[in-house]
């Protein structure tokens, strides 16, 4: 097309033998806002880093206004008019707005910085974007929203043809989001192309024209948003067909064993944290597995981290066994009997260079220590017990955990918490990235733990896990609890419908949380 600004064809990128992008195509038109969506590991971040010169591609071609380009650095991309504005604003707080906009490219006169011209040029760009910001103001005196606008203004100052916005509203209030939308509309009117990454469907449908879906590093589809139902977009992201949503029998969970009436164990009420959590409530009974569903960025992990004290909340309460807890950090939660298995096993779970023994007993070390010395005998007893109980496969307890399979690493992390005898267990993506055999073993183990009276909150992107493994499913959407499904209401179709529309299907017989 003659109005095409950017085209990427067959883009492939590998890291240490792992294919992050597998022959991905993407095209951006002049004056359009084009959303890039997909779950964790879909390849969105890798694609925009190739697009903006942060990564070099291993295969494929990139064209800007029909001309083949080969970006070796972000500077190359900026020279060609392709600029990325990332979620974390990476500017200098103690410099002025104008200095940040022209950082490294300050206009000069007689070898000295031409301050008058720089301030005037910065004001012209800010005015062009409809932003009432003093170019002489120190950046650190502005709120996060205006800093984000300055970062966009800096991008525009490169005579940008393509502007990439990566989660631009993650730290903004609703009013500030409106300012961003106005800036985007102004840029579109000038013919600038916007690549927009967000997990919030309301944003996509408010400001974007088309959407490209990636899944597992591969291109799935490009659609006009005005013609795409939200439910169909969710199906594309998750790789589901409407007619396949009722498929059963995919997991090792024994759904029939789920209790009907259970004693309350953990209650989190009206948790609020900025735009990440908006008065979210969830309750888990003793011996109950409660599933939590939602797309990436919906508030699932944010809820778990708030309960565990990893993220401080602005308001709300957490109770365990009827007692209100004061949780300001994870240590408070651990002492109360709460355990949390993070979704990011490598970054927040294992310590790769330590042994299985050292990783497994990490949380229990205070109880194994006398006068500052760890009892090796007690440590070995615990490790041997859990390696046998959980079927952890390793050459010995001294083998480095990084050498184990993903499933066995996950079992070690589960054992780390179980040796603390917790009352309530939060599992965030407990079977992600492990083979089908280990997945079944972990699902069986979760069943056994619940049968022994442990309360479990299980977050999963695998709908089969939630449908077959949960007595109730709480569906999150845009930081709110959109729906709660029980009994025969729990189906893949109903979960996806709530993800897309923020409510259960009316035929499910339960009103949405938002309509109450």
Protein backbone atom coordinates (compact mmCIF):
# COMPACT_ATOMS: atom_id res chain seq x y z
CA UNK A 1 0.00 0.00 0.00
CA UNK A 2 1.22 3.48 -0.80
CA UNK A 3 0.30 4.77 2.70
CA UNK A 4 2.36 2.07 4.40
CA UNK A 5 4.99 3.50 6.74
CA UNK A 6 6.56 0.34 8.11
CA UNK A 7 6.63 -3.28 7.00
CA UNK A 8 8.38 -6.17 8.72
CA UNK A 9 8.41 -9.54 6.95
CA UNK A 10 9.65 -12.91 8.17
CA UNK A 11 11.30 -11.45 11.29
CA UNK A 12 13.15 -14.13 13.24
CA UNK A 13 15.11 -13.65 16.45
CA UNK A 14 16.86 -16.29 18.54
CA UNK A 15 18.48 -16.15 21.98
CA UNK A 16 20.84 -18.97 22.98
CA UNK A 17 19.02 -21.44 20.77
CA UNK A 18 15.53 -20.29 21.84
CA UNK A 19 13.41 -18.79 19.06
CA UNK A 20 11.71 -15.67 20.42
CA UNK A 21 10.31 -14.63 17.02
CA UNK A 22 9.54 -17.13 14.29
CA UNK A 23 9.03 -15.50 10.87
CA UNK A 24 6.73 -12.72 12.13
CA UNK A 25 5.05 -10.19 9.82
CA UNK A 26 3.85 -6.72 10.81
CA UNK A 27 2.70 -3.66 8.85
CA UNK A 28 1.85 -0.11 9.97
CA UNK A 29 0.00 2.49 7.91
CA UNK A 30 0.38 6.25 8.02
CA UNK A 31 -2.01 7.88 10.47
CA UNK A 32 -3.07 4.66 12.19
CA UNK A 33 -2.74 3.41 15.73
CA UNK A 34 -1.95 -0.29 15.51
CA UNK A 35 -2.10 -2.46 18.62
CA UNK A 36 0.29 -5.34 19.23
CA UNK A 37 -1.12 -7.92 21.67
CA UNK A 38 -0.30 -11.33 23.09
CA UNK A 39 0.25 -13.10 26.38
CA UNK A 40 3.59 -13.53 28.17
CA UNK A 41 6.20 -14.95 25.83
CA UNK A 42 4.24 -13.99 22.72
CA UNK A 43 7.15 -11.96 21.35
CA UNK A 44 5.75 -8.41 21.56
CA UNK A 45 8.72 -6.89 23.38
CA UNK A 46 11.23 -8.65 21.14
CA UNK A 47 9.45 -7.44 17.99
CA UNK A 48 9.39 -3.79 19.06
CA UNK A 49 13.05 -3.98 20.08
CA UNK A 50 13.90 -5.28 16.59
CA UNK A 51 11.66 -2.58 15.14
CA UNK A 52 13.42 0.17 17.13
CA UNK A 53 16.99 -1.07 16.68
CA UNK A 54 17.59 -2.36 20.22
CA UNK A 55 17.94 -5.91 18.80
CA UNK A 56 19.28 -6.97 15.42
CA UNK A 57 17.17 -9.53 13.60
CA UNK A 58 18.47 -12.97 12.63
CA UNK A 59 16.27 -13.16 9.55
CA UNK A 60 13.64 -11.15 7.72
CA UNK A 61 13.37 -7.67 6.23
CA UNK A 62 12.30 -4.24 7.46
CA UNK A 63 11.02 -1.48 5.18
CA UNK A 64 10.38 2.15 6.13
CA UNK A 65 8.28 3.98 3.52
CA UNK A 66 9.14 1.21 1.07
CA UNK A 67 12.90 1.46 1.58
CA UNK A 68 14.81 -1.50 2.99
CA UNK A 69 16.57 -0.65 6.27
CA UNK A 70 19.00 -2.46 8.55
CA UNK A 71 18.98 -1.04 12.07
CA UNK A 72 22.14 -1.76 14.09
CA UNK A 73 21.18 0.47 17.02
CA UNK A 74 18.34 2.65 18.32
CA UNK A 75 20.20 5.63 16.82
CA UNK A 76 19.89 4.03 13.37
CA UNK A 77 16.15 3.57 13.89
CA UNK A 78 15.69 7.12 15.16
CA UNK A 79 17.51 8.47 12.10
CA UNK A 80 15.00 6.58 9.95
CA UNK A 81 12.09 7.99 11.98
CA UNK A 82 11.30 4.98 14.18
CA UNK A 83 11.22 5.84 17.89
CA UNK A 84 10.21 3.75 20.92
CA UNK A 85 8.83 5.17 24.17
CA UNK A 86 9.01 2.46 26.82
CA UNK A 87 6.91 1.87 29.92
CA UNK A 88 9.71 3.03 32.20
CA UNK A 89 10.48 6.67 31.36
CA UNK A 90 14.26 6.75 31.00
CA UNK A 91 14.94 10.49 31.23
CA UNK A 92 16.95 12.76 33.56
CA UNK A 93 14.88 14.11 36.44
CA UNK A 94 17.30 16.94 37.31
CA UNK A 95 17.40 18.35 33.79
CA UNK A 96 14.77 20.62 32.24
CA UNK A 97 12.04 19.45 29.90
CA UNK A 98 13.82 21.05 26.94
CA UNK A 99 17.14 19.46 27.88
CA UNK A 100 15.50 16.03 28.03
CA UNK A 101 13.79 16.49 24.68
CA UNK A 102 17.06 17.40 22.97
CA UNK A 103 19.43 15.34 25.14
CA UNK A 104 22.55 14.60 23.10
CA UNK A 105 21.32 16.78 20.23
CA UNK A 106 21.32 20.23 21.81
CA UNK A 107 21.30 23.07 19.23
CA UNK A 108 24.53 25.05 19.36
CA UNK A 109 25.71 28.52 18.44
CA UNK A 110 29.41 29.37 18.36
CA UNK A 111 30.09 26.01 20.00
CA UNK A 112 27.82 26.75 22.98
CA UNK A 113 24.35 25.39 23.69
CA UNK A 114 21.77 27.75 22.19
CA UNK A 115 19.37 27.77 25.15
CA UNK A 116 16.95 30.23 23.61
CA UNK A 117 16.52 28.18 20.47
CA UNK A 118 16.32 24.87 22.40
CA UNK A 119 13.57 26.18 24.68
CA UNK A 120 11.69 27.67 21.73
CA UNK A 121 11.95 24.44 19.70
CA UNK A 122 10.84 22.35 22.70
CA UNK A 123 7.85 24.64 23.26
CA UNK A 124 6.90 24.30 19.61
CA UNK A 125 6.85 20.51 19.89
CA UNK A 126 4.88 20.61 23.15
CA UNK A 127 2.37 23.03 21.60
CA UNK A 128 2.09 20.79 18.56
CA UNK A 129 1.06 17.95 20.87
CA UNK A 130 -1.35 20.15 22.81
CA UNK A 131 0.71 19.92 25.99
CA UNK A 132 0.77 22.83 28.44
CA UNK A 133 4.25 22.13 29.83
CA UNK A 134 6.92 24.72 30.55
CA UNK A 135 10.07 23.67 28.64
CA UNK A 136 12.19 25.29 31.37
CA UNK A 137 10.60 23.20 34.15
CA UNK A 138 12.77 20.58 35.81
CA UNK A 139 11.47 17.15 34.78
CA UNK A 140 11.46 15.87 38.37
CA UNK A 141 8.84 18.48 39.33
CA UNK A 142 6.33 16.96 36.88
CA UNK A 143 4.05 14.02 37.65
CA UNK A 144 4.56 10.67 35.94
CA UNK A 145 1.94 11.40 33.29
CA UNK A 146 3.63 14.60 32.13
CA UNK A 147 7.02 12.88 32.16
CA UNK A 148 5.48 10.28 29.84
CA UNK A 149 4.31 13.10 27.56
CA UNK A 150 7.83 14.58 27.56
CA UNK A 151 9.21 11.19 26.53
CA UNK A 152 6.74 11.16 23.63
CA UNK A 153 7.70 14.73 22.74
CA UNK A 154 11.35 13.65 22.66
CA UNK A 155 10.42 10.88 20.24
CA UNK A 156 8.49 13.30 18.03
CA UNK A 157 11.51 15.65 18.03
CA UNK A 158 13.36 13.07 15.89
CA UNK A 159 10.86 13.84 13.09
CA UNK A 160 9.33 10.46 13.90
CA UNK A 161 7.29 8.64 11.31
CA UNK A 162 6.67 5.68 13.65
CA UNK A 163 6.21 6.00 17.44
CA UNK A 164 6.10 2.85 19.58
CA UNK A 165 4.23 3.22 22.88
CA UNK A 166 4.89 0.33 25.28
CA UNK A 167 2.27 0.15 28.07
CA UNK A 168 1.99 3.96 28.12
CA UNK A 169 -0.90 4.09 30.63
CA UNK A 170 0.46 1.69 33.26
CA UNK A 171 1.14 4.53 35.73
CA UNK A 172 -1.52 7.02 34.62
CA UNK A 173 -4.85 8.01 36.13
CA UNK A 174 -7.99 7.99 34.02
CA UNK A 175 -7.75 11.78 33.50
CA UNK A 176 -4.11 11.49 32.45
CA UNK A 177 -5.03 8.70 30.02
CA UNK A 178 -7.31 11.21 28.32
CA UNK A 179 -4.32 13.52 27.75
CA UNK A 180 -2.40 10.64 26.16
CA UNK A 181 -5.33 9.80 23.87
CA UNK A 182 -5.43 13.41 22.69
CA UNK A 183 -1.70 13.32 21.89
CA UNK A 184 -2.18 10.08 19.93
CA UNK A 185 -5.05 11.56 17.91
CA UNK A 186 -2.95 14.63 17.06
CA UNK A 187 -0.07 12.45 15.86
CA UNK A 188 -2.43 10.31 13.77
CA UNK A 189 -3.86 13.43 12.17
CA UNK A 190 -0.32 14.39 11.11
CA UNK A 191 0.19 10.99 9.46
CA UNK A 192 2.42 9.52 12.18
CA UNK A 193 1.98 5.78 12.73
CA UNK A 194 1.56 4.56 16.32
CA UNK A 195 2.42 1.04 17.52
CA UNK A 196 0.47 0.63 20.76
CA UNK A 197 1.10 -2.11 23.31
CA UNK A 198 -1.40 -2.54 26.13
CA UNK A 199 -3.24 -5.34 27.91
CA UNK A 200 -6.31 -3.18 28.53
CA UNK A 201 -9.03 -3.91 26.00
CA UNK A 202 -10.89 -0.67 26.72
CA UNK A 203 -7.80 1.27 25.62
CA UNK A 204 -7.35 -0.76 22.44
CA UNK A 205 -10.92 -0.23 21.32
CA UNK A 206 -10.83 3.46 22.30
CA UNK A 207 -7.73 4.51 20.39
CA UNK A 208 -6.53 1.75 18.00
CA UNK A 209 -7.56 1.05 14.42
CA UNK A 210 -6.06 -2.40 13.89
CA UNK A 211 -4.60 -5.15 16.03
CA UNK A 212 -1.91 -7.75 15.36
CA UNK A 213 -1.89 -10.83 17.56
CA UNK A 214 1.26 -12.79 18.41
CA UNK A 215 1.37 -16.11 20.23
CA UNK A 216 4.46 -18.10 21.26
CA UNK A 217 6.70 -15.98 19.04
CA UNK A 218 4.55 -16.46 15.94
CA UNK A 219 2.24 -14.25 13.93
CA UNK A 220 -1.42 -15.18 14.41
CA UNK A 221 -3.57 -12.54 12.71
CA UNK A 222 -4.16 -8.86 11.93
CA UNK A 223 -7.70 -7.53 12.21
CA UNK A 224 -9.62 -4.24 12.06
CA UNK A 225 -10.74 -3.61 15.63
CA UNK A 226 -14.08 -2.13 14.58
CA UNK A 227 -14.98 -5.48 13.03
CA UNK A 228 -13.50 -7.69 15.79
CA UNK A 229 -15.58 -8.80 18.75
CA UNK A 230 -13.72 -8.76 22.06
CA UNK A 231 -14.45 -12.44 22.59
CA UNK A 232 -12.85 -13.28 19.25
CA UNK A 233 -9.77 -11.22 20.16
CA UNK A 234 -9.36 -13.18 23.39
CA UNK A 235 -9.73 -16.45 21.46
CA UNK A 236 -6.98 -15.35 19.05
CA UNK A 237 -4.66 -14.48 21.93
CA UNK A 238 -5.24 -17.76 23.75
CA UNK A 239 -5.33 -19.98 20.66
CA UNK A 240 -8.90 -21.10 21.26
CA UNK A 241 -11.82 -21.71 18.93
CA UNK A 242 -15.33 -20.97 20.17
CA UNK A 243 -16.44 -24.51 19.38
CA UNK A 244 -13.52 -25.94 21.38
CA UNK A 245 -14.14 -24.02 24.58
CA UNK A 246 -16.11 -26.79 26.28
CA UNK A 247 -13.40 -29.44 25.83
CA UNK A 248 -12.81 -31.46 29.02
CA UNK A 249 -10.30 -33.90 30.40
CA UNK A 250 -7.09 -32.02 29.64
CA UNK A 251 -5.54 -32.02 33.11
CA UNK A 252 -4.75 -34.30 36.04
CA UNK A 253 -7.06 -32.38 38.37
CA UNK A 254 -9.89 -34.24 40.05
CA UNK A 255 -12.61 -31.61 39.91
CA UNK A 256 -15.14 -33.94 41.52
CA UNK A 257 -13.14 -33.82 44.75
CA UNK A 258 -13.63 -30.08 45.21
CA UNK A 259 -15.61 -29.30 48.39
CA UNK A 260 -19.05 -27.74 48.11
CA UNK A 261 -19.15 -25.95 51.47
CA UNK A 262 -15.83 -25.02 53.03
CA UNK A 263 -14.65 -23.22 56.13
CA UNK A 264 -13.39 -19.69 55.31
CA UNK A 265 -9.61 -19.40 55.51
CA UNK A 266 -8.29 -16.31 53.66
CA UNK A 267 -10.23 -13.18 52.79
CA UNK A 268 -8.83 -10.23 50.87
CA UNK A 269 -11.30 -7.33 50.77
CA UNK A 270 -11.34 -4.21 48.59
CA UNK A 271 -7.63 -4.24 47.71
CA UNK A 272 -6.67 -1.03 45.94
CA UNK A 273 -3.38 -0.06 44.34
CA UNK A 274 -3.46 2.72 41.75
CA UNK A 275 -4.86 1.55 38.43
CA UNK A 276 -3.50 -1.96 39.01
CA UNK A 277 -6.12 -3.01 41.58
CA UNK A 278 -9.51 -1.39 42.01
CA UNK A 279 -11.30 -2.69 45.13
CA UNK A 280 -10.55 -6.35 44.41
CA UNK A 281 -11.97 -8.93 46.80
CA UNK A 282 -11.31 -12.68 46.88
CA UNK A 283 -11.99 -15.37 49.46
CA UNK A 284 -10.51 -18.87 49.70
CA UNK A 285 -11.86 -21.59 51.98
CA UNK A 286 -9.97 -24.24 53.87
CA UNK A 287 -9.21 -27.14 51.53
CA UNK A 288 -10.47 -25.18 48.52
CA UNK A 289 -8.78 -24.43 45.21
CA UNK A 290 -9.96 -21.08 43.86
CA UNK A 291 -8.87 -20.31 40.33
CA UNK A 292 -8.05 -16.82 39.11
CA UNK A 293 -8.32 -16.05 35.40
CA UNK A 294 -7.60 -13.01 33.29
CA UNK A 295 -5.39 -11.79 30.51
CA UNK A 296 -1.90 -10.48 31.19
CA UNK A 297 -2.20 -7.14 32.99
CA UNK A 298 -5.72 -7.86 34.26
CA UNK A 299 -4.65 -7.75 37.91
CA UNK A 300 -4.17 -11.46 38.62
CA UNK A 301 -0.52 -11.33 39.69
CA UNK A 302 -1.02 -7.89 41.24
CA UNK A 303 -3.67 -9.40 43.54
CA UNK A 304 -1.34 -12.23 44.55
CA UNK A 305 1.55 -9.87 45.23
CA UNK A 306 -0.68 -7.60 47.32
CA UNK A 307 -1.86 -10.50 49.49
CA UNK A 308 1.75 -11.64 49.97
CA UNK A 309 3.00 -8.14 50.77
CA UNK A 310 5.29 -7.92 47.77
CA UNK A 311 3.41 -4.77 46.65
CA UNK A 312 1.99 -2.32 49.18
CA UNK A 313 -1.71 -1.51 48.87
CA UNK A 314 -3.35 1.87 49.36
CA UNK A 315 -6.40 0.42 51.09
CA UNK A 316 -8.15 -2.87 51.80
CA UNK A 317 -7.76 -5.68 54.31
CA UNK A 318 -6.44 -9.25 54.45
CA UNK A 319 -7.65 -11.84 56.96
CA UNK A 320 -6.39 -15.34 57.67
CA UNK A 321 -8.46 -17.67 59.87
CA UNK A 322 -10.63 -14.70 60.84
CA UNK A 323 -7.69 -12.63 62.07
CA UNK A 324 -6.86 -9.37 60.31
CA UNK A 325 -3.24 -9.28 59.21
CA UNK A 326 -0.87 -6.35 58.99
CA UNK A 327 1.18 -7.13 55.90
CA UNK A 328 3.68 -4.53 54.75
CA UNK A 329 6.29 -6.96 53.40
CA UNK A 330 6.54 -10.66 52.47
CA UNK A 331 8.06 -11.57 55.86
CA UNK A 332 4.75 -10.61 57.53
CA UNK A 333 2.83 -12.90 55.19
CA UNK A 334 5.28 -15.79 55.64
CA UNK A 335 5.11 -15.51 59.42
CA UNK A 336 1.30 -15.63 59.21
CA UNK A 337 1.38 -18.85 57.17
CA UNK A 338 1.03 -17.54 53.60
CA UNK A 339 3.23 -18.91 50.82
CA UNK A 340 3.61 -17.58 47.27
CA UNK A 341 4.99 -19.40 44.24
CA UNK A 342 5.86 -16.70 41.69
CA UNK A 343 5.09 -17.01 37.98
CA UNK A 344 8.70 -16.10 37.10
CA UNK A 345 10.55 -19.19 38.27
CA UNK A 346 13.94 -18.08 36.99
CA UNK A 347 13.93 -14.44 38.14
CA UNK A 348 12.00 -14.73 41.42
CA UNK A 349 12.26 -18.38 42.38
CA UNK A 350 15.39 -20.43 41.90
CA UNK A 351 18.93 -19.35 42.71
CA UNK A 352 20.57 -21.10 39.76
CA UNK A 353 24.09 -21.54 41.11
CA UNK A 354 22.94 -23.05 44.42
CA UNK A 355 22.17 -26.73 44.92
CA UNK A 356 18.78 -28.39 45.22
CA UNK A 357 19.38 -28.67 48.98
CA UNK A 358 20.18 -24.99 49.36
CA UNK A 359 17.25 -23.85 47.22
CA UNK A 360 14.75 -26.15 48.89
CA UNK A 361 15.55 -25.15 52.47
CA UNK A 362 16.02 -21.43 51.84
CA UNK A 363 12.77 -20.34 53.54
CA UNK A 364 13.27 -22.75 56.45
CA UNK A 365 16.83 -21.71 57.34
CA UNK A 366 15.86 -19.71 60.45
CA UNK A 367 14.28 -22.83 61.94
CA UNK A 368 17.33 -24.93 61.05
CA UNK A 369 19.85 -22.54 62.58
CA UNK A 370 21.31 -22.62 66.08
CA UNK A 371 23.72 -19.88 67.18
CA UNK A 372 24.14 -18.86 63.55
CA UNK A 373 25.06 -22.36 62.37
CA UNK A 374 22.77 -24.34 60.06
CA UNK A 375 22.15 -27.92 61.15
CA UNK A 376 23.21 -29.97 58.11
CA UNK A 377 21.51 -33.06 59.57
CA UNK A 378 18.11 -31.35 59.86
CA UNK A 379 18.58 -29.81 56.43
CA UNK A 380 19.36 -33.18 54.84
CA UNK A 381 16.39 -34.82 56.57
CA UNK A 382 13.98 -32.21 55.19
CA UNK A 383 15.48 -32.36 51.69
CA UNK A 384 15.39 -36.15 51.49
CA UNK A 385 11.81 -36.18 52.74
CA UNK A 386 10.51 -33.72 50.15
CA UNK A 387 12.58 -35.09 47.26
CA UNK A 388 10.92 -38.44 47.88
CA UNK A 389 7.46 -37.06 48.63
CA UNK A 390 7.33 -34.84 45.54
CA UNK A 391 9.31 -37.16 43.26
CA UNK A 392 12.05 -34.60 42.57
CA UNK A 393 14.43 -36.11 40.03
CA UNK A 394 18.06 -35.09 40.53
CA UNK A 395 21.40 -36.91 40.61
CA UNK A 396 21.66 -35.81 44.26
CA UNK A 397 20.55 -33.02 46.54
CA UNK A 398 23.88 -31.32 45.78
CA UNK A 399 23.16 -30.98 42.06
CA UNK A 400 22.79 -27.34 40.95
CA UNK A 401 19.14 -26.51 40.49
CA UNK A 402 19.77 -24.87 37.10
CA UNK A 403 20.63 -28.33 35.75
CA UNK A 404 17.16 -29.70 36.58
CA UNK A 405 14.17 -29.72 34.24
CA UNK A 406 11.57 -26.97 34.60
CA UNK A 407 9.13 -29.37 36.25
CA UNK A 408 11.65 -30.48 38.85
CA UNK A 409 12.68 -26.88 39.53
CA UNK A 410 9.02 -26.11 40.19
CA UNK A 411 8.75 -29.04 42.59
CA UNK A 412 11.77 -27.76 44.52
CA UNK A 413 10.12 -24.34 44.85
CA UNK A 414 6.90 -25.95 46.05
CA UNK A 415 8.87 -27.97 48.58
CA UNK A 416 10.57 -24.78 49.77
CA UNK A 417 7.19 -23.48 50.91
CA UNK A 418 5.71 -26.77 52.07
CA UNK A 419 8.52 -27.31 54.57
CA UNK A 420 7.22 -24.13 56.26
CA UNK A 421 3.82 -25.82 56.79
CA UNK A 422 1.81 -22.93 55.31
CA UNK A 423 -1.93 -22.51 55.79
CA UNK A 424 -2.58 -20.69 52.53
CA UNK A 425 -0.74 -21.15 49.23
CA UNK A 426 -0.75 -18.81 46.23
CA UNK A 427 0.30 -20.46 42.96
CA UNK A 428 0.96 -18.12 40.03
CA UNK A 429 1.18 -20.15 36.80
CA UNK A 430 2.30 -23.34 38.62
CA UNK A 431 2.62 -25.45 35.45
CA UNK A 432 3.95 -22.89 32.96
CA UNK A 433 6.94 -24.01 30.90
CA UNK A 434 7.05 -27.62 32.08
CA UNK A 435 6.45 -30.85 30.20
CA UNK A 436 3.11 -32.64 30.26
CA UNK A 437 4.28 -35.41 32.60
CA UNK A 438 5.57 -33.01 35.26
CA UNK A 439 2.46 -30.88 34.77
CA UNK A 440 0.24 -33.80 35.73
CA UNK A 441 2.37 -34.55 38.80
CA UNK A 442 2.12 -30.95 40.03
CA UNK A 443 -1.63 -30.87 39.40
CA UNK A 444 -2.01 -34.07 41.44
CA UNK A 445 0.11 -32.52 44.20
CA UNK A 446 -2.11 -29.42 44.32
CA UNK A 447 -5.13 -31.71 44.71
CA UNK A 448 -3.43 -33.55 47.57
CA UNK A 449 -2.52 -30.32 49.37
CA UNK A 450 -6.10 -29.08 49.18
CA UNK A 451 -7.38 -32.43 50.45
CA UNK A 452 -5.11 -31.98 53.48
CA UNK A 453 -6.83 -28.67 54.31
CA UNK A 454 -4.54 -26.16 52.63
CA UNK A 455 -6.29 -23.23 50.95
CA UNK A 456 -5.04 -22.60 47.41
CA UNK A 457 -5.38 -19.56 45.13
CA UNK A 458 -4.31 -20.76 41.67
CA UNK A 459 -3.60 -18.27 38.89
CA UNK A 460 -3.34 -19.83 35.45
CA UNK A 461 -3.49 -18.87 31.78
CA UNK A 462 -4.46 -22.47 30.97
CA UNK A 463 -8.23 -22.50 30.99
CA UNK A 464 -8.37 -26.29 31.28
CA UNK A 465 -6.51 -26.05 34.59
CA UNK A 466 -8.99 -23.53 35.93
CA UNK A 467 -12.08 -25.37 34.71
CA UNK A 468 -11.02 -28.79 35.99
CA UNK A 469 -9.04 -27.76 39.06
CA UNK A 470 -11.16 -25.06 40.71
CA UNK A 471 -14.27 -25.09 42.87
CA UNK A 472 -14.70 -21.39 41.99
CA UNK A 473 -13.07 -19.14 39.38
CA UNK A 474 -12.58 -15.40 39.88
CA UNK A 475 -12.11 -13.58 36.56
CA UNK A 476 -10.04 -10.38 36.54
CA UNK A 477 -10.24 -7.62 33.96
CA UNK A 478 -8.45 -4.24 33.92
CA UNK A 479 -7.64 -4.35 37.64
CA UNK A 480 -11.16 -5.26 38.76
CA UNK A 481 -12.92 -8.48 39.71
CA UNK A 482 -15.14 -8.87 36.69
CA UNK A 483 -16.92 -12.12 37.58
CA UNK A 484 -17.01 -15.15 39.85
CA UNK A 485 -18.06 -18.51 38.43
CA UNK A 486 -19.24 -21.49 40.48
CA UNK A 487 -20.24 -25.08 39.83
CA UNK A 488 -21.54 -25.72 36.34
CA UNK A 489 -21.01 -22.06 35.45
CA UNK A 490 -17.27 -22.81 35.28
CA UNK A 491 -16.48 -23.31 31.60
CA UNK A 492 -13.91 -22.04 29.15
CA UNK A 493 -16.65 -20.19 27.27
CA UNK A 494 -17.83 -18.32 30.37
CA UNK A 495 -14.29 -17.48 31.49
CA UNK A 496 -13.38 -16.06 28.08
CA UNK A 497 -16.65 -14.14 27.90
CA UNK A 498 -15.91 -12.53 31.28
CA UNK A 499 -12.33 -11.72 30.20
CA UNK A 500 -13.61 -9.97 27.10
CA UNK A 501 -16.74 -8.24 28.40
CA UNK A 502 -16.20 -7.98 32.15
CA UNK A 503 -19.24 -10.08 33.01
CA UNK A 504 -20.58 -13.61 32.92
CA UNK A 505 -22.94 -14.69 30.19
CA UNK A 506 -26.48 -13.95 31.29
CA UNK A 507 -27.47 -17.59 30.83
CA UNK A 508 -24.95 -18.55 33.51
CA UNK A 509 -27.43 -17.36 36.10
CA UNK A 510 -25.02 -15.11 38.00
CA UNK A 511 -24.78 -11.33 37.71
CA UNK A 512 -21.42 -9.73 37.10
CA UNK A 513 -19.48 -8.20 39.96
CA UNK A 514 -19.55 -4.88 38.13
CA UNK A 515 -23.36 -4.82 37.90
CA UNK A 516 -23.91 -5.26 41.62
